[in-house]
PDB file of N, CA and C in Angstrom:
ATOM      1  N   MET A   1      15.949 -26.034 124.964  1.00  0.00           N
ATOM      2  CA  MET A   1      15.628 -27.431 125.092  1.00  0.00           C
ATOM      3  C   MET A   1      14.537 -27.839 124.097  1.00  0.00           C
ATOM      4  N   LYS A   2      13.517 -26.986 123.935  1.00  0.00           N
ATOM      5  CA  LYS A   2      12.452 -27.283 122.990  1.00  0.00           C
ATOM      6  C   LYS A   2      12.990 -27.364 121.574  1.00  0.00           C
ATOM      7  N   LYS A   3      13.951 -26.515 121.267  1.00  0.00           N
ATOM      8  CA  LYS A   3      14.542 -26.496 119.933  1.00  0.00           C
ATOM      9  C   LYS A   3      15.155 -27.862 119.600  1.00  0.00           C
ATOM     10  N   TYR A   4      15.903 -28.440 120.523  1.00  0.00           N
ATOM     11  CA  TYR A   4      16.537 -29.728 120.298  1.00  0.00           C
ATOM     12  C   TYR A   4      15.505 -30.853 120.229  1.00  0.00           C
ATOM     13  N   PHE A   5      14.487 -30.748 121.065  1.00  0.00           N
ATOM     14  CA  PHE A   5      13.436 -31.761 121.064  1.00  0.00           C
ATOM     15  C   PHE A   5      12.753 -31.827 119.704  1.00  0.00           C
ATOM     16  N   PHE A   6      12.386 -30.661 119.173  1.00  0.00           N
ATOM     17  CA  PHE A   6      11.714 -30.629 117.881  1.00  0.00           C
ATOM     18  C   PHE A   6      12.642 -31.047 116.746  1.00  0.00           C
ATOM     19  N   SER A   7      13.925 -30.760 116.865  1.00  0.00           N
ATOM     20  CA  SER A   7      14.894 -31.201 115.855  1.00  0.00           C
ATOM     21  C   SER A   7      14.995 -32.722 115.838  1.00  0.00           C
ATOM     22  N   VAL A   8      15.092 -33.306 117.008  1.00  0.00           N
ATOM     23  CA  VAL A   8      15.178 -34.767 117.114  1.00  0.00           C
ATOM     24  C   VAL A   8      13.873 -35.393 116.627  1.00  0.00           C
ATOM     25  N   LEU A   9      12.753 -34.795 116.978  1.00  0.00           N
ATOM     26  CA  LEU A   9      11.461 -35.297 116.528  1.00  0.00           C
ATOM     27  C   LEU A   9      11.347 -35.259 115.006  1.00  0.00           C
ATOM     28  N   ALA A  10      11.785 -34.178 114.395  1.00  0.00           N
ATOM     29  CA  ALA A  10      11.731 -34.045 112.935  1.00  0.00           C
ATOM     30  C   ALA A  10      12.602 -35.095 112.253  1.00  0.00           C
ATOM     31  N   VAL A  11      13.800 -35.315 112.779  1.00  0.00           N
ATOM     32  CA  VAL A  11      14.693 -36.329 112.212  1.00  0.00           C
ATOM     33  C   VAL A  11      14.072 -37.712 112.371  1.00  0.00           C
ATOM     34  N   GLY A  12      13.478 -37.987 113.521  1.00  0.00           N
ATOM     35  CA  GLY A  12      12.831 -39.280 113.750  1.00  0.00           C
ATOM     36  C   GLY A  12      11.688 -39.532 112.791  1.00  0.00           C
ATOM     37  N   ILE A  13      10.891 -38.510 112.536  1.00  0.00           N
ATOM     38  CA  ILE A  13       9.780 -38.647 111.586  1.00  0.00           C
ATOM     39  C   ILE A  13      10.307 -38.887 110.176  1.00  0.00           C
ATOM     40  N   ALA A  14      11.343 -38.176 109.791  1.00  0.00           N
ATOM     41  CA  ALA A  14      11.924 -38.349 108.453  1.00  0.00           C
ATOM     42  C   ALA A  14      12.466 -39.759 108.269  1.00  0.00           C
ATOM     43  N   ILE A  15      13.169 -40.256 109.260  1.00  0.00           N
ATOM     44  CA  ILE A  15      13.744 -41.605 109.164  1.00  0.00           C
ATOM     45  C   ILE A  15      12.642 -42.657 109.111  1.00  0.00           C
ATOM     46  N   SER A  16      11.632 -42.513 109.949  1.00  0.00           N
ATOM     47  CA  SER A  16      10.570 -43.522 109.958  1.00  0.00           C
ATOM     48  C   SER A  16       9.735 -43.486 108.687  1.00  0.00           C
ATOM     49  N   SER A  17       9.555 -42.320 108.095  1.00  0.00           N
ATOM     50  CA  SER A  17       8.771 -42.274 106.853  1.00  0.00           C
ATOM     51  C   SER A  17       9.519 -42.922 105.707  1.00  0.00           C
ATOM     52  N   VAL A  18      10.827 -42.797 105.671  1.00  0.00           N
ATOM     53  CA  VAL A  18      11.631 -43.443 104.634  1.00  0.00           C
ATOM     54  C   VAL A  18      11.707 -44.940 104.880  1.00  0.00           C
ATOM     55  N   ALA A  19      11.823 -45.336 106.128  1.00  0.00           N
ATOM     56  CA  ALA A  19      11.967 -46.751 106.468  1.00  0.00           C
ATOM     57  C   ALA A  19      10.725 -47.557 106.128  1.00  0.00           C
ATOM     58  N   PHE A  20       9.561 -46.954 106.190  1.00  0.00           N
ATOM     59  CA  PHE A  20       8.327 -47.690 105.956  1.00  0.00           C
ATOM     60  C   PHE A  20       7.734 -47.443 104.581  1.00  0.00           C
ATOM     61  N   THR A  21       8.466 -46.810 103.701  1.00  0.00           N
ATOM     62  CA  THR A  21       8.000 -46.580 102.342  1.00  0.00           C
ATOM     63  C   THR A  21       8.497 -47.718 101.459  1.00  0.00           C
ATOM     64  N   THR A  22       7.578 -48.374 100.773  1.00  0.00           N
ATOM     65  CA  THR A  22       7.928 -49.467  99.873  1.00  0.00           C
ATOM     66  C   THR A  22       7.758 -48.983  98.441  1.00  0.00           C
ATOM     67  N   LYS A  23       8.812 -49.107  97.657  1.00  0.00           N
ATOM     68  CA  LYS A  23       8.725 -48.720  96.254  1.00  0.00           C
ATOM     69  C   LYS A  23       8.176 -49.891  95.456  1.00  0.00           C
ATOM     70  N   LEU A  24       7.179 -49.603  94.628  1.00  0.00           N
ATOM     71  CA  LEU A  24       6.566 -50.625  93.785  1.00  0.00           C
ATOM     72  C   LEU A  24       7.048 -50.431  92.355  1.00  0.00           C
ATOM     73  N   ASN A  25       8.252 -50.888  92.088  1.00  0.00           N
ATOM     74  CA  ASN A  25       8.843 -50.686  90.769  1.00  0.00           C
ATOM     75  C   ASN A  25       9.003 -51.959  89.966  1.00  0.00           C
ATOM     76  N   GLN A  26       8.931 -53.110  90.607  1.00  0.00           N
ATOM     77  CA  GLN A  26       9.098 -54.366  89.887  1.00  0.00           C
ATOM     78  C   GLN A  26       7.799 -54.679  89.146  1.00  0.00           C
ATOM     79  N   GLN A  27       7.911 -55.006  87.877  1.00  0.00           N
ATOM     80  CA  GLN A  27       6.738 -55.244  87.027  1.00  0.00           C
ATOM     81  C   GLN A  27       6.684 -56.714  86.598  1.00  0.00           C
ATOM     82  N   TRP A  28       5.540 -57.345  86.833  1.00  0.00           N
ATOM     83  CA  TRP A  28       5.305 -58.725  86.411  1.00  0.00           C
ATOM     84  C   TRP A  28       4.109 -58.749  85.473  1.00  0.00           C
ATOM     85  N   ARG A  29       4.311 -59.231  84.233  1.00  0.00           N
ATOM     86  CA  ARG A  29       3.231 -59.338  83.250  1.00  0.00           C
ATOM     87  C   ARG A  29       2.398 -60.580  83.540  1.00  0.00           C
ATOM     88  N   PHE A  30       1.080 -60.424  83.502  1.00  0.00           N
ATOM     89  CA  PHE A  30       0.174 -61.552  83.707  1.00  0.00           C
ATOM     90  C   PHE A  30      -0.019 -62.277  82.385  1.00  0.00           C
ATOM     91  N   ASP A  31       0.285 -63.582  82.367  1.00  0.00           N
ATOM     92  CA  ASP A  31       0.171 -64.404  81.163  1.00  0.00           C
ATOM     93  C   ASP A  31      -0.982 -65.404  81.233  1.00  0.00           C
ATOM     94  N   GLY A  32      -1.768 -65.357  82.286  1.00  0.00           N
ATOM     95  CA  GLY A  32      -2.861 -66.311  82.462  1.00  0.00           C
ATOM     96  C   GLY A  32      -3.951 -66.145  81.419  1.00  0.00           C
ATOM     97  N   THR A  33      -4.751 -67.194  81.291  1.00  0.00           N
ATOM     98  CA  THR A  33      -5.825 -67.176  80.292  1.00  0.00           C
ATOM     99  C   THR A  33      -7.214 -67.240  80.920  1.00  0.00           C
ATOM    100  N   THR A  34      -7.286 -67.385  82.254  1.00  0.00           N
ATOM    101  CA  THR A  34      -8.573 -67.380  82.953  1.00  0.00           C
ATOM    102  C   THR A  34      -8.442 -66.548  84.232  1.00  0.00           C
ATOM    103  N   GLU A  35      -9.581 -66.155  84.773  1.00  0.00           N
ATOM    104  CA  GLU A  35      -9.561 -65.387  86.018  1.00  0.00           C
ATOM    105  C   GLU A  35      -8.973 -66.190  87.173  1.00  0.00           C
ATOM    106  N   SER A  36      -9.113 -67.506  87.137  1.00  0.00           N
ATOM    107  CA  SER A  36      -8.570 -68.338  88.215  1.00  0.00           C
ATOM    108  C   SER A  36      -7.044 -68.320  88.246  1.00  0.00           C
ATOM    109  N   HIS A  37      -6.409 -67.916  87.153  1.00  0.00           N
ATOM    110  CA  HIS A  37      -4.942 -67.840  87.093  1.00  0.00           C
ATOM    111  C   HIS A  37      -4.378 -66.606  87.799  1.00  0.00           C
ATOM    112  N   ILE A  38      -5.223 -65.640  88.144  1.00  0.00           N
ATOM    113  CA  ILE A  38      -4.736 -64.374  88.709  1.00  0.00           C
ATOM    114  C   ILE A  38      -3.901 -64.604  89.964  1.00  0.00           C
ATOM    115  N   THR A  39      -4.259 -65.558  90.787  1.00  0.00           N
ATOM    116  CA  THR A  39      -3.530 -65.806  92.028  1.00  0.00           C
ATOM    117  C   THR A  39      -2.382 -66.807  91.860  1.00  0.00           C
ATOM    118  N   ASP A  40      -2.166 -67.310  90.656  1.00  0.00           N
ATOM    119  CA  ASP A  40      -1.129 -68.313  90.380  1.00  0.00           C
ATOM    120  C   ASP A  40       0.165 -67.610  89.947  1.00  0.00           C
ATOM    121  N   TYR A  41       1.168 -67.655  90.811  1.00  0.00           N
ATOM    122  CA  TYR A  41       2.431 -66.956  90.532  1.00  0.00           C
ATOM    123  C   TYR A  41       3.133 -67.474  89.278  1.00  0.00           C
ATOM    124  N   THR A  42       2.856 -68.706  88.845  1.00  0.00           N
ATOM    125  CA  THR A  42       3.518 -69.248  87.654  1.00  0.00           C
ATOM    126  C   THR A  42       2.986 -68.623  86.365  1.00  0.00           C
ATOM    127  N   LYS A  43       1.937 -67.843  86.465  1.00  0.00           N
ATOM    128  CA  LYS A  43       1.323 -67.209  85.286  1.00  0.00           C
ATOM    129  C   LYS A  43       1.814 -65.783  85.079  1.00  0.00           C
ATOM    130  N   TYR A  44       2.945 -65.422  85.702  1.00  0.00           N
ATOM    131  CA  TYR A  44       3.508 -64.080  85.580  1.00  0.00           C
ATOM    132  C   TYR A  44       4.943 -64.147  85.065  1.00  0.00           C
ATOM    133  N   THR A  45       5.334 -63.139  84.264  1.00  0.00           N
ATOM    134  CA  THR A  45       6.682 -63.034  83.722  1.00  0.00           C
ATOM    135  C   THR A  45       7.274 -61.706  84.160  1.00  0.00           C
ATOM    136  N   LEU A  46       8.470 -61.750  84.748  1.00  0.00           N
ATOM    137  CA  LEU A  46       9.140 -60.537  85.210  1.00  0.00           C
ATOM    138  C   LEU A  46       9.489 -59.637  84.034  1.00  0.00           C
ATOM    139  N   ASN A  47       9.091 -58.379  84.130  1.00  0.00           N
ATOM    140  CA  ASN A  47       9.410 -57.348  83.131  1.00  0.00           C
ATOM    141  C   ASN A  47       8.946 -57.711  81.724  1.00  0.00           C
ATOM    142  N   GLY A  48       7.913 -58.501  81.607  1.00  0.00           N
ATOM    143  CA  GLY A  48       7.378 -58.848  80.289  1.00  0.00           C
ATOM    144  C   GLY A  48       6.671 -57.667  79.655  1.00  0.00           C
ATOM    145  N   THR A  49       6.662 -57.621  78.333  1.00  0.00           N
ATOM    146  CA  THR A  49       5.990 -56.544  77.605  1.00  0.00           C
ATOM    147  C   THR A  49       4.526 -56.917  77.407  1.00  0.00           C
ATOM    148  N   PRO A  50       3.626 -56.129  77.967  1.00  0.00           N
ATOM    149  CA  PRO A  50       2.205 -56.458  77.865  1.00  0.00           C
ATOM    150  C   PRO A  50       1.608 -56.078  76.519  1.00  0.00           C
ATOM    151  N   SER A  51       0.484 -56.698  76.207  1.00  0.00           N
ATOM    152  CA  SER A  51      -0.279 -56.323  75.017  1.00  0.00           C
ATOM    153  C   SER A  51      -1.755 -56.397  75.363  1.00  0.00           C
ATOM    154  N   GLY A  52      -2.562 -55.662  74.639  1.00  0.00           N
ATOM    155  CA  GLY A  52      -3.993 -55.683  74.855  1.00  0.00           C
ATOM    156  C   GLY A  52      -4.442 -55.076  76.163  1.00  0.00           C
ATOM    157  N   CYS A  53      -3.666 -54.138  76.703  1.00  0.00           N
ATOM    158  CA  CYS A  53      -4.012 -53.513  77.981  1.00  0.00           C
ATOM    159  C   CYS A  53      -4.942 -52.323  77.768  1.00  0.00           C
ATOM    160  N   SER A  54      -5.841 -52.123  78.729  1.00  0.00           N
ATOM    161  CA  SER A  54      -6.745 -50.977  78.698  1.00  0.00           C
ATOM    162  C   SER A  54      -7.128 -50.646  80.134  1.00  0.00           C
ATOM    163  N   SER A  55      -8.070 -49.781  80.287  1.00  0.00           N
ATOM    164  CA  SER A  55      -8.534 -49.446  81.635  1.00  0.00           C
ATOM    165  C   SER A  55      -9.625 -50.399  82.110  1.00  0.00           C
ATOM    166  N   LEU A  56     -10.088 -51.270  81.229  1.00  0.00           N
ATOM    167  CA  LEU A  56     -11.149 -52.219  81.566  1.00  0.00           C
ATOM    168  C   LEU A  56     -10.664 -53.650  81.368  1.00  0.00           C
ATOM    169  N   GLY A  57     -11.293 -54.571  82.059  1.00  0.00           N
ATOM    170  CA  GLY A  57     -10.973 -55.986  81.900  1.00  0.00           C
ATOM    171  C   GLY A  57     -11.155 -56.723  83.201  1.00  0.00           C
ATOM    172  N   ASN A  58     -11.084 -58.049  83.141  1.00  0.00           N
ATOM    173  CA  ASN A  58     -11.290 -58.870  84.322  1.00  0.00           C
ATOM    174  C   ASN A  58     -10.009 -59.527  84.829  1.00  0.00           C
ATOM    175  N   ALA A  59      -8.859 -59.069  84.310  1.00  0.00           N
ATOM    176  CA  ALA A  59      -7.567 -59.599  84.736  1.00  0.00           C
ATOM    177  C   ALA A  59      -6.535 -58.473  84.710  1.00  0.00           C
ATOM    178  N   PRO A  60      -5.474 -58.606  85.504  1.00  0.00           N
ATOM    179  CA  PRO A  60      -4.434 -57.583  85.468  1.00  0.00           C
ATOM    180  C   PRO A  60      -3.632 -57.677  84.177  1.00  0.00           C
ATOM    181  N   CYS A  61      -3.056 -56.592  83.764  1.00  0.00           N
ATOM    182  CA  CYS A  61      -2.154 -56.601  82.618  1.00  0.00           C
ATOM    183  C   CYS A  61      -0.728 -56.815  83.141  1.00  0.00           C
ATOM    184  N   VAL A  62      -0.315 -55.916  84.015  1.00  0.00           N
ATOM    185  CA  VAL A  62       0.980 -55.973  84.676  1.00  0.00           C
ATOM    186  C   VAL A  62       0.753 -55.587  86.126  1.00  0.00           C
ATOM    187  N   ILE A  63       1.337 -56.340  87.055  1.00  0.00           N
ATOM    188  CA  ILE A  63       1.224 -55.949  88.462  1.00  0.00           C
ATOM    189  C   ILE A  63       2.528 -55.292  88.903  1.00  0.00           C
ATOM    190  N   SER A  64       2.411 -54.298  89.751  1.00  0.00           N
ATOM    191  CA  SER A  64       3.568 -53.613  90.324  1.00  0.00           C
ATOM    192  C   SER A  64       3.745 -54.106  91.749  1.00  0.00           C
ATOM    193  N   VAL A  65       4.931 -54.603  92.040  1.00  0.00           N
ATOM    194  CA  VAL A  65       5.230 -55.160  93.357  1.00  0.00           C
ATOM    195  C   VAL A  65       6.502 -54.504  93.896  1.00  0.00           C
ATOM    196  N   PRO A  66       6.824 -54.709  95.176  1.00  0.00           N
ATOM    197  CA  PRO A  66       8.047 -54.120  95.731  1.00  0.00           C
ATOM    198  C   PRO A  66       9.303 -54.556  94.961  1.00  0.00           C
ATOM    199  N   ASP A  67      10.303 -53.693  94.988  1.00  0.00           N
ATOM    200  CA  ASP A  67      11.553 -53.933  94.258  1.00  0.00           C
ATOM    201  C   ASP A  67      12.195 -55.279  94.562  1.00  0.00           C
ATOM    202  N   GLU A  68      12.087 -55.733  95.813  1.00  0.00           N
ATOM    203  CA  GLU A  68      12.773 -56.966  96.188  1.00  0.00           C
ATOM    204  C   GLU A  68      12.089 -58.231  95.681  1.00  0.00           C
ATOM    205  N   VAL A  69      10.926 -58.114  95.060  1.00  0.00           N
ATOM    206  CA  VAL A  69      10.208 -59.272  94.512  1.00  0.00           C
ATOM    207  C   VAL A  69      10.659 -59.450  93.064  1.00  0.00           C
ATOM    208  N   ASN A  70      11.774 -60.165  92.885  1.00  0.00           N
ATOM    209  CA  ASN A  70      12.339 -60.285  91.544  1.00  0.00           C
ATOM    210  C   ASN A  70      12.658 -61.723  91.130  1.00  0.00           C
ATOM    211  N   THR A  71      12.104 -62.693  91.845  1.00  0.00           N
ATOM    212  CA  THR A  71      12.214 -64.096  91.443  1.00  0.00           C
ATOM    213  C   THR A  71      10.821 -64.735  91.582  1.00  0.00           C
ATOM    214  N   PRO A  72      10.583 -65.830  90.872  1.00  0.00           N
ATOM    215  CA  PRO A  72       9.283 -66.497  91.023  1.00  0.00           C
ATOM    216  C   PRO A  72       8.987 -66.902  92.473  1.00  0.00           C
ATOM    217  N   ALA A  73       9.987 -67.347  93.208  1.00  0.00           N
ATOM    218  CA  ALA A  73       9.770 -67.740  94.609  1.00  0.00           C
ATOM    219  C   ALA A  73       9.345 -66.543  95.454  1.00  0.00           C
ATOM    220  N   GLN A  74       9.972 -65.399  95.210  1.00  0.00           N
ATOM    221  CA  GLN A  74       9.602 -64.189  95.955  1.00  0.00           C
ATOM    222  C   GLN A  74       8.199 -63.729  95.564  1.00  0.00           C
ATOM    223  N   LEU A  75       7.837 -63.873  94.284  1.00  0.00           N
ATOM    224  CA  LEU A  75       6.491 -63.532  93.846  1.00  0.00           C
ATOM    225  C   LEU A  75       5.482 -64.466  94.501  1.00  0.00           C
ATOM    226  N   GLN A  76       5.805 -65.740  94.586  1.00  0.00           N
ATOM    227  CA  GLN A  76       4.920 -66.699  95.240  1.00  0.00           C
ATOM    228  C   GLN A  76       4.661 -66.275  96.684  1.00  0.00           C
ATOM    229  N   ASN A  77       5.702 -65.924  97.405  1.00  0.00           N
ATOM    230  CA  ASN A  77       5.546 -65.483  98.795  1.00  0.00           C
ATOM    231  C   ASN A  77       4.735 -64.197  98.880  1.00  0.00           C
ATOM    232  N   PHE A  78       4.978 -63.269  97.956  1.00  0.00           N
ATOM    233  CA  PHE A  78       4.269 -61.990  97.966  1.00  0.00           C
ATOM    234  C   PHE A  78       2.777 -62.181  97.702  1.00  0.00           C
ATOM    235  N   LEU A  79       2.423 -63.068  96.779  1.00  0.00           N
ATOM    236  CA  LEU A  79       1.024 -63.277  96.425  1.00  0.00           C
ATOM    237  C   LEU A  79       0.281 -64.198  97.393  1.00  0.00           C
ATOM    238  N   ALA A  80       1.014 -64.939  98.212  1.00  0.00           N
ATOM    239  CA  ALA A  80       0.392 -65.891  99.136  1.00  0.00           C
ATOM    240  C   ALA A  80      -0.628 -65.184 100.028  1.00  0.00           C
ATOM    241  N   GLY A  81      -1.835 -65.709 100.038  1.00  0.00           N
ATOM    242  CA  GLY A  81      -2.888 -65.174 100.884  1.00  0.00           C
ATOM    243  C   GLY A  81      -3.642 -63.985 100.301  1.00  0.00           C
ATOM    244  N   LYS A  82      -3.208 -63.484  99.142  1.00  0.00           N
ATOM    245  CA  LYS A  82      -3.911 -62.363  98.512  1.00  0.00           C
ATOM    246  C   LYS A  82      -5.046 -62.885  97.634  1.00  0.00           C
ATOM    247  N   SER A  83      -6.140 -62.163  97.645  1.00  0.00           N
ATOM    248  CA  SER A  83      -7.267 -62.525  96.789  1.00  0.00           C
ATOM    249  C   SER A  83      -7.030 -61.984  95.381  1.00  0.00           C
ATOM    250  N   ALA A  84      -7.828 -62.455  94.438  1.00  0.00           N
ATOM    251  CA  ALA A  84      -7.733 -61.951  93.061  1.00  0.00           C
ATOM    252  C   ALA A  84      -8.005 -60.451  93.033  1.00  0.00           C
ATOM    253  N   ALA A  85      -8.943 -59.984  93.851  1.00  0.00           N
ATOM    254  CA  ALA A  85      -9.251 -58.543  93.893  1.00  0.00           C
ATOM    255  C   ALA A  85      -8.067 -57.738  94.411  1.00  0.00           C
ATOM    256  N   GLU A  86      -7.372 -58.251  95.410  1.00  0.00           N
ATOM    257  CA  GLU A  86      -6.189 -57.556  95.941  1.00  0.00           C
ATOM    258  C   GLU A  86      -5.078 -57.502  94.892  1.00  0.00           C
ATOM    259  N   ILE A  87      -4.929 -58.567  94.126  1.00  0.00           N
ATOM    260  CA  ILE A  87      -3.913 -58.591  93.066  1.00  0.00           C
ATOM    261  C   ILE A  87      -4.318 -57.644  91.937  1.00  0.00           C
ATOM    262  N   MET A  88      -5.592 -57.585  91.626  1.00  0.00           N
ATOM    263  CA  MET A  88      -6.073 -56.644  90.599  1.00  0.00           C
ATOM    264  C   MET A  88      -5.750 -55.205  90.986  1.00  0.00           C
ATOM    265  N   ASP A  89      -5.778 -54.901  92.272  1.00  0.00           N
ATOM    266  CA  ASP A  89      -5.458 -53.553  92.749  1.00  0.00           C
ATOM    267  C   ASP A  89      -4.004 -53.185  92.510  1.00  0.00           C
ATOM    268  N   LEU A  90      -3.137 -54.165  92.265  1.00  0.00           N
ATOM    269  CA  LEU A  90      -1.722 -53.921  91.985  1.00  0.00           C
ATOM    270  C   LEU A  90      -1.477 -53.555  90.530  1.00  0.00           C
ATOM    271  N   SER A  91      -2.526 -53.572  89.720  1.00  0.00           N
ATOM    272  CA  SER A  91      -2.402 -53.342  88.285  1.00  0.00           C
ATOM    273  C   SER A  91      -3.109 -52.044  87.885  1.00  0.00           C
ATOM    274  N   ALA A  92      -2.376 -51.160  87.240  1.00  0.00           N
ATOM    275  CA  ALA A  92      -2.969 -49.909  86.766  1.00  0.00           C
ATOM    276  C   ALA A  92      -3.816 -50.147  85.517  1.00  0.00           C
ATOM    277  N   GLN A  93      -3.424 -51.126  84.719  1.00  0.00           N
ATOM    278  CA  GLN A  93      -4.175 -51.438  83.509  1.00  0.00           C
ATOM    279  C   GLN A  93      -4.683 -52.870  83.582  1.00  0.00           C
ATOM    280  N   LYS A  94      -5.753 -53.117  82.867  1.00  0.00           N
ATOM    281  CA  LYS A  94      -6.393 -54.438  82.878  1.00  0.00           C
ATOM    282  C   LYS A  94      -6.446 -55.004  81.463  1.00  0.00           C
ATOM    283  N   ARG A  95      -6.811 -56.282  81.385  1.00  0.00           N
ATOM    284  CA  ARG A  95      -7.072 -56.910  80.091  1.00  0.00           C
ATOM    285  C   ARG A  95      -8.150 -57.962  80.312  1.00  0.00           C
ATOM    286  N   SER A  96      -8.752 -58.395  79.249  1.00  0.00           N
ATOM    287  CA  SER A  96      -9.841 -59.370  79.343  1.00  0.00           C
ATOM    288  C   SER A  96      -9.324 -60.774  79.104  1.00  0.00           C
ATOM    289  N   VAL A  97      -9.834 -61.702  79.904  1.00  0.00           N
ATOM    290  CA  VAL A  97      -9.586 -63.129  79.707  1.00  0.00           C
ATOM    291  C   VAL A  97     -10.936 -63.812  79.768  1.00  0.00           C
ATOM    292  N   GLU A  98     -10.994 -65.064  79.367  1.00  0.00           N
ATOM    293  CA  GLU A  98     -12.260 -65.813  79.333  1.00  0.00           C
ATOM    294  C   GLU A  98     -12.846 -65.974  80.720  1.00  0.00           C
TER     295      GLU A  98
END
């Protein structure tokens, strides 16, 4: 009986870990020119090629979001309520803006 219990438990853990894992593969390039643009979804381009990226800066270069965020409307919903600092955390590289 214990053998079956642990088997079912293992399968349940595997399913729940896959179900709650979000892949962050969609890339949106930040095109804004000021820090206030960071939270503005209209200042991002899907799969845009970034330039001037480094490990330092006051703006994101490219943000990584879940795969299903692939339209401006979906990006707007995803960014709603997020602070500039939270959006900066979505970017591995930064760039400087005025």
